[in-house]
Amino acid sequence: MLFMVVERFRDNDMVPVYRRLRGAGRSLPEGLTFIDSWVRADFAGCFQLMECDDPRLLQSWVLSWRGTGATFEILPVVRGADTSEIVGPHLDREA
């Protein structure tokens, strides 16, 4: 499954998180895959796309970042192309 992780930096201060990232890496448990990330222009947070079969791996990962000032919102997501396949048959039906 894919998950969009919305990470927020306390007081828009990404330095503690980046310091930890530089020193210890992403600290991903085995089975959790980091795909890509995007940082907000105002440094208020970032968006990370992750993949795993067991959401408990995300819980373990979040716990490993305690004390950095980051908070996390985790949303299961589906690729747009995959959603188009599901929605396609419904496009010509009456509502």
Protein backbone atom coordinates (compact mmCIF):
# COMPACT_ATOMS: atom_id res chain seq x y z
CA MET A 1 0.00 0.00 0.00
CA LEU A 2 1.01 3.59 -0.60
CA PHE A 3 0.87 6.22 2.11
CA MET A 4 1.25 9.98 1.90
CA VAL A 5 2.95 11.13 5.06
CA VAL A 6 2.29 14.77 5.89
CA GLU A 7 5.09 15.86 8.20
CA ARG A 8 4.88 19.20 9.99
CA PHE A 9 7.84 20.97 11.57
CA ARG A 10 7.28 22.72 14.90
CA ASP A 11 7.60 26.51 14.44
CA ASN A 12 8.46 25.92 10.75
CA ASP A 13 11.89 24.83 11.96
CA MET A 14 13.15 21.95 9.87
CA VAL A 15 16.71 22.12 11.27
CA PRO A 16 16.23 19.53 14.08
CA VAL A 17 14.65 17.08 11.63
CA TYR A 18 17.34 17.59 8.99
CA ARG A 19 20.05 17.31 11.63
CA ARG A 20 18.62 13.96 12.69
CA LEU A 21 18.24 12.87 9.06
CA ARG A 22 21.89 13.71 8.34
CA GLY A 23 23.12 11.87 11.41
CA ALA A 24 20.93 8.78 11.47
CA GLY A 25 19.28 8.56 8.07
CA ARG A 26 15.57 7.93 7.65
CA SER A 27 15.51 5.12 10.26
CA LEU A 28 13.12 3.04 8.17
CA PRO A 29 12.19 -0.36 9.58
CA GLU A 30 12.64 -3.26 7.18
CA GLY A 31 9.61 -3.47 4.91
CA LEU A 32 8.92 0.29 4.83
CA THR A 33 10.08 1.92 1.59
CA PHE A 34 10.65 5.65 1.11
CA ILE A 35 9.68 6.65 -2.46
CA ASP A 36 10.07 10.44 -2.63
CA SER A 37 9.46 13.68 -0.74
CA TRP A 38 8.50 17.30 -1.34
CA VAL A 39 9.22 20.17 1.08
CA ARG A 40 6.86 23.10 1.48
CA ALA A 41 8.35 26.40 0.29
CA ASP A 42 7.65 27.99 3.69
CA PHE A 43 9.49 25.15 5.52
CA ALA A 44 6.34 24.34 7.49
CA GLY A 45 6.58 20.68 6.56
CA CYS A 46 6.98 18.11 3.88
CA PHE A 47 5.12 15.36 2.09
CA GLN A 48 6.64 11.90 1.84
CA LEU A 49 5.38 9.01 -0.24
CA MET A 50 5.99 5.69 1.50
CA GLU A 51 5.10 2.10 0.69
CA CYS A 52 4.53 -0.90 2.94
CA ASP A 53 2.18 -3.82 3.49
CA ASP A 54 1.87 -3.36 7.25
CA PRO A 55 0.84 0.06 8.66
CA ARG A 56 2.46 -0.86 11.96
CA LEU A 57 5.79 -0.21 10.23
CA LEU A 58 4.73 3.42 9.81
CA GLN A 59 3.82 3.57 13.49
CA SER A 60 7.24 2.23 14.42
CA TRP A 61 8.92 4.74 12.11
CA VAL A 62 6.95 7.68 13.57
CA LEU A 63 7.95 6.65 17.09
CA SER A 64 11.61 6.70 16.06
CA TRP A 65 11.28 10.42 15.24
CA ARG A 66 9.96 11.45 18.67
CA GLY A 67 11.71 14.48 20.12
CA THR A 68 12.54 16.13 16.78
CA GLY A 69 9.57 18.51 16.80
CA ALA A 70 7.94 16.79 13.84
CA THR A 71 4.35 15.59 13.79
CA PHE A 72 2.90 13.18 11.25
CA GLU A 73 -0.38 12.59 9.48
CA ILE A 74 -0.50 9.34 7.50
CA LEU A 75 -2.97 8.93 4.65
CA PRO A 76 -3.46 5.80 2.54
CA VAL A 77 -3.43 6.84 -1.13
CA VAL A 78 -4.01 5.27 -4.53
CA ARG A 79 -2.16 6.28 -7.71
CA GLY A 80 -4.29 8.39 -10.04
CA ALA A 81 -3.86 5.97 -12.94
CA ASP A 82 -5.15 3.11 -10.77
CA THR A 83 -8.12 5.18 -9.65
CA SER A 84 -8.94 6.00 -13.28
CA GLU A 85 -9.29 2.28 -13.98
CA ILE A 86 -11.80 1.93 -11.14
CA VAL A 87 -13.76 5.06 -12.05
CA GLY A 88 -13.75 4.46 -15.84
CA PRO A 89 -16.72 2.06 -15.98
CA HIS A 90 -18.84 4.56 -14.02
CA LEU A 91 -18.26 7.55 -16.29
CA ASP A 92 -21.04 6.77 -18.76
CA ARG A 93 -23.63 5.81 -16.16
CA GLU A 94 -26.36 8.13 -14.94
CA ALA A 95 -25.89 9.35 -11.38
